[in-house]
C-alpha atoms as a PDB file:
ATOM      1  CA  MET A   1      86.656 120.092  96.618  1.00  0.00           C
ATOM      2  CA  ALA A   2      85.206 118.432  99.796  1.00  0.00           C
ATOM      3  CA  ILE A   3      84.068 114.784  98.588  1.00  0.00           C
ATOM      4  CA  ARG A   4      80.092 114.649 100.086  1.00  0.00           C
ATOM      5  CA  LYS A   5      78.394 112.828  96.812  1.00  0.00           C
ATOM      6  CA  VAL A   6      79.405 109.337  96.837  1.00  0.00           C
ATOM      7  CA  LEU A   7      78.119 106.305  93.838  1.00  0.00           C
ATOM      8  CA  VAL A   8      78.967 103.103  95.234  1.00  0.00           C
ATOM      9  CA  VAL A   9      78.880 100.715  91.424  1.00  0.00           C
ATOM     10  CA  ASP A  10      78.966  97.477  93.101  1.00  0.00           C
ATOM     11  CA  ASP A  11      76.800  94.056  91.896  1.00  0.00           C
ATOM     12  CA  SER A  12      77.074  92.760  95.749  1.00  0.00           C
ATOM     13  CA  LYS A  13      74.230  93.773  98.258  1.00  0.00           C
ATOM     14  CA  THR A  14      76.007  93.108 101.189  1.00  0.00           C
ATOM     15  CA  GLU A  15      78.824  95.158  99.660  1.00  0.00           C
ATOM     16  CA  LEU A  16      76.743  98.135  99.083  1.00  0.00           C
ATOM     17  CA  LEU A  17      75.259  98.018 102.668  1.00  0.00           C
ATOM     18  CA  TYR A  18      78.435  97.973 104.038  1.00  0.00           C
ATOM     19  CA  LEU A  19      79.810 100.977 101.840  1.00  0.00           C
ATOM     20  CA  THR A  20      77.108 102.797 102.304  1.00  0.00           C
ATOM     21  CA  ASP A  21      77.216 102.722 106.022  1.00  0.00           C
ATOM     22  CA  LEU A  22      81.008 103.603 106.249  1.00  0.00           C
ATOM     23  CA  LEU A  23      80.463 106.614 103.832  1.00  0.00           C
ATOM     24  CA  GLN A  24      76.987 107.722 105.647  1.00  0.00           C
ATOM     25  CA  LYS A  25      79.076 107.473 109.184  1.00  0.00           C
ATOM     26  CA  LYS A  26      81.413 110.085 107.557  1.00  0.00           C
ATOM     27  CA  GLY A  27      78.529 112.115 106.663  1.00  0.00           C
ATOM     28  CA  MET A  28      78.176 111.279 102.952  1.00  0.00           C
ATOM     29  CA  GLN A  29      75.321 110.845 100.782  1.00  0.00           C
ATOM     30  CA  VAL A  30      75.592 107.837  99.109  1.00  0.00           C
ATOM     31  CA  ARG A  31      73.628 106.695  95.955  1.00  0.00           C
ATOM     32  CA  THR A  32      74.328 102.918  95.181  1.00  0.00           C
ATOM     33  CA  ALA A  33      73.797 101.140  91.526  1.00  0.00           C
ATOM     34  CA  GLU A  34      74.313  97.293  90.894  1.00  0.00           C
ATOM     35  CA  ASN A  35      75.379  96.977  86.930  1.00  0.00           C
ATOM     36  CA  GLY A  36      76.895  99.593  84.988  1.00  0.00           C
ATOM     37  CA  GLU A  37      73.687 100.631  83.237  1.00  0.00           C
ATOM     38  CA  GLU A  38      72.039 101.500  86.474  1.00  0.00           C
ATOM     39  CA  ALA A  39      75.357 103.714  87.509  1.00  0.00           C
ATOM     40  CA  LEU A  40      74.877 105.767  84.515  1.00  0.00           C
ATOM     41  CA  ARG A  41      71.425 106.736  84.652  1.00  0.00           C
ATOM     42  CA  ARG A  42      72.502 107.712  88.244  1.00  0.00           C
ATOM     43  CA  LEU A  43      75.435 109.785  86.972  1.00  0.00           C
ATOM     44  CA  ALA A  44      72.842 111.302  84.921  1.00  0.00           C
ATOM     45  CA  GLU A  45      70.190 112.067  87.968  1.00  0.00           C
ATOM     46  CA  ASP A  46      72.789 113.305  90.217  1.00  0.00           C
ATOM     47  CA  LYS A  47      76.902 113.837  89.722  1.00  0.00           C
ATOM     48  CA  PRO A  48      78.642 112.426  92.183  1.00  0.00           C
ATOM     49  CA  ASP A  49      81.618 113.994  93.908  1.00  0.00           C
ATOM     50  CA  LEU A  50      83.496 110.175  93.686  1.00  0.00           C
ATOM     51  CA  ILE A  51      82.789 106.683  92.336  1.00  0.00           C
ATOM     52  CA  LEU A  52      83.786 103.732  94.257  1.00  0.00           C
ATOM     53  CA  MET A  53      83.791 100.928  91.553  1.00  0.00           C
ATOM     54  CA  ASP A  54      83.355  97.421  91.802  1.00  0.00           C
ATOM     55  CA  VAL A  55      85.279  95.334  88.719  1.00  0.00           C
ATOM     56  CA  VAL A  56      83.466  92.301  88.645  1.00  0.00           C
ATOM     57  CA  MET A  57      80.121  92.954  87.804  1.00  0.00           C
ATOM     58  CA  PRO A  58      77.251  91.301  84.897  1.00  0.00           C
ATOM     59  CA  GLY A  59      76.925  92.987  82.064  1.00  0.00           C
ATOM     60  CA  GLN A  60      79.913  95.806  81.522  1.00  0.00           C
ATOM     61  CA  ASN A  61      82.743  95.491  84.238  1.00  0.00           C
ATOM     62  CA  GLY A  62      84.032  98.000  86.652  1.00  0.00           C
ATOM     63  CA  PHE A  63      87.009  98.284  84.076  1.00  0.00           C
ATOM     64  CA  GLN A  64      84.954  99.452  81.390  1.00  0.00           C
ATOM     65  CA  LEU A  65      82.795 101.243  83.041  1.00  0.00           C
ATOM     66  CA  THR A  66      85.662 103.023  84.824  1.00  0.00           C
ATOM     67  CA  ARG A  67      86.714 103.961  81.009  1.00  0.00           C
ATOM     68  CA  SER A  68      83.901 104.832  79.821  1.00  0.00           C
ATOM     69  CA  ILE A  69      83.014 107.550  82.497  1.00  0.00           C
ATOM     70  CA  THR A  70      86.528 108.911  82.666  1.00  0.00           C
ATOM     71  CA  ARG A  71      86.481 109.298  79.449  1.00  0.00           C
ATOM     72  CA  ASP A  72      83.412 111.345  78.875  1.00  0.00           C
ATOM     73  CA  PRO A  73      83.909 115.164  79.393  1.00  0.00           C
ATOM     74  CA  LEU A  74      80.656 115.541  81.291  1.00  0.00           C
ATOM     75  CA  TYR A  75      81.779 113.044  84.427  1.00  0.00           C
ATOM     76  CA  ALA A  76      86.160 112.872  83.538  1.00  0.00           C
ATOM     77  CA  ASP A  77      86.281 115.363  86.522  1.00  0.00           C
ATOM     78  CA  VAL A  78      84.516 112.346  88.855  1.00  0.00           C
ATOM     79  CA  PRO A  79      87.797 110.988  90.484  1.00  0.00           C
ATOM     80  CA  VAL A  80      87.087 106.780  90.490  1.00  0.00           C
ATOM     81  CA  ILE A  81      88.288 104.165  93.304  1.00  0.00           C
ATOM     82  CA  MET A  82      88.279 100.982  92.279  1.00  0.00           C
ATOM     83  CA  CYS A  83      87.102  98.552  95.577  1.00  0.00           C
ATOM     84  CA  THR A  84      87.756  94.974  94.162  1.00  0.00           C
ATOM     85  CA  SER A  85      88.701  91.534  95.259  1.00  0.00           C
ATOM     86  CA  LYS A  86      90.912  91.449  91.938  1.00  0.00           C
ATOM     87  CA  ASN A  87      94.085  92.082  94.191  1.00  0.00           C
ATOM     88  CA  GLN A  88      96.593  91.017  91.658  1.00  0.00           C
ATOM     89  CA  GLU A  89      99.127  93.742  90.673  1.00  0.00           C
ATOM     90  CA  THR A  90      98.422  94.205  86.814  1.00  0.00           C
ATOM     91  CA  ASP A  91      94.255  94.424  88.044  1.00  0.00           C
ATOM     92  CA  ARG A  92      95.681  97.763  89.802  1.00  0.00           C
ATOM     93  CA  VAL A  93      97.914  98.771  87.029  1.00  0.00           C
ATOM     94  CA  TRP A  94      95.054  97.996  84.488  1.00  0.00           C
ATOM     95  CA  GLY A  95      92.193  99.807  86.883  1.00  0.00           C
ATOM     96  CA  MET A  96      94.591 102.941  86.738  1.00  0.00           C
ATOM     97  CA  ARG A  97      95.123 102.873  82.924  1.00  0.00           C
ATOM     98  CA  GLN A  98      91.090 103.011  82.805  1.00  0.00           C
ATOM     99  CA  GLY A  99      91.230 106.262  84.388  1.00  0.00           C
ATOM    100  CA  ALA A 100      90.580 105.351  88.062  1.00  0.00           C
ATOM    101  CA  ARG A 101      92.623 107.368  90.694  1.00  0.00           C
ATOM    102  CA  GLY A 102      92.736 104.628  93.509  1.00  0.00           C
ATOM    103  CA  TYR A 103      92.331 100.941  93.597  1.00  0.00           C
ATOM    104  CA  ILE A 104      91.518  99.105  97.189  1.00  0.00           C
ATOM    105  CA  THR A 105      91.014  95.371  97.458  1.00  0.00           C
ATOM    106  CA  LYS A 106      88.114  93.822  99.398  1.00  0.00           C
ATOM    107  CA  PRO A 107      87.418  93.363 102.153  1.00  0.00           C
ATOM    108  CA  VAL A 108      87.418  97.574 102.256  1.00  0.00           C
ATOM    109  CA  ASP A 109      89.811  98.667 105.575  1.00  0.00           C
ATOM    110  CA  PRO A 110      88.039 101.548 106.683  1.00  0.00           C
ATOM    111  CA  ALA A 111      90.838 103.583 107.356  1.00  0.00           C
ATOM    112  CA  GLU A 112      92.711 102.930 104.026  1.00  0.00           C
ATOM    113  CA  LEU A 113      89.258 103.671 101.954  1.00  0.00           C
ATOM    114  CA  GLN A 114      89.502 107.194 103.780  1.00  0.00           C
ATOM    115  CA  ALA A 115      92.967 107.667 102.965  1.00  0.00           C
ATOM    116  CA  LYS A 116      92.259 107.213  99.553  1.00  0.00           C
ATOM    117  CA  ILE A 117      89.087 110.061  99.574  1.00  0.00           C
ATOM    118  CA  ASP A 118      91.658 112.351 101.772  1.00  0.00           C
ATOM    119  CA  ALA A 119      94.077 112.340  99.186  1.00  0.00           C
ATOM    120  CA  LEU A 120      91.497 113.383  96.652  1.00  0.00           C
ATOM    121  CA  ASN A 121      90.419 116.197  98.730  1.00  0.00           C
END
């Protein structure tokens, strides 16, 4: 499955702009959300092929949101890659246990992100 539509969930406008620009240059359509509630609305409006998920956000954090999305039968087939500043191995393991298919630490390396996306295709 070619990844064309990506939902980027991050409470940092700087990260949203950076990741949006990076993905659009690769020919992908990008939608953004700044928190869990907005992310769930975006999911319902237009199901993406991939979700890039921050962890540290107000309200529902990325671990909780990933768990609820990946366990929902409507969205269980949408891969989630965590993009976060939380760089401990325990964070990575926990993110994967919540259903994430990849884990990248910030600052995001474009080549590493592309490799993770390619691995999903």
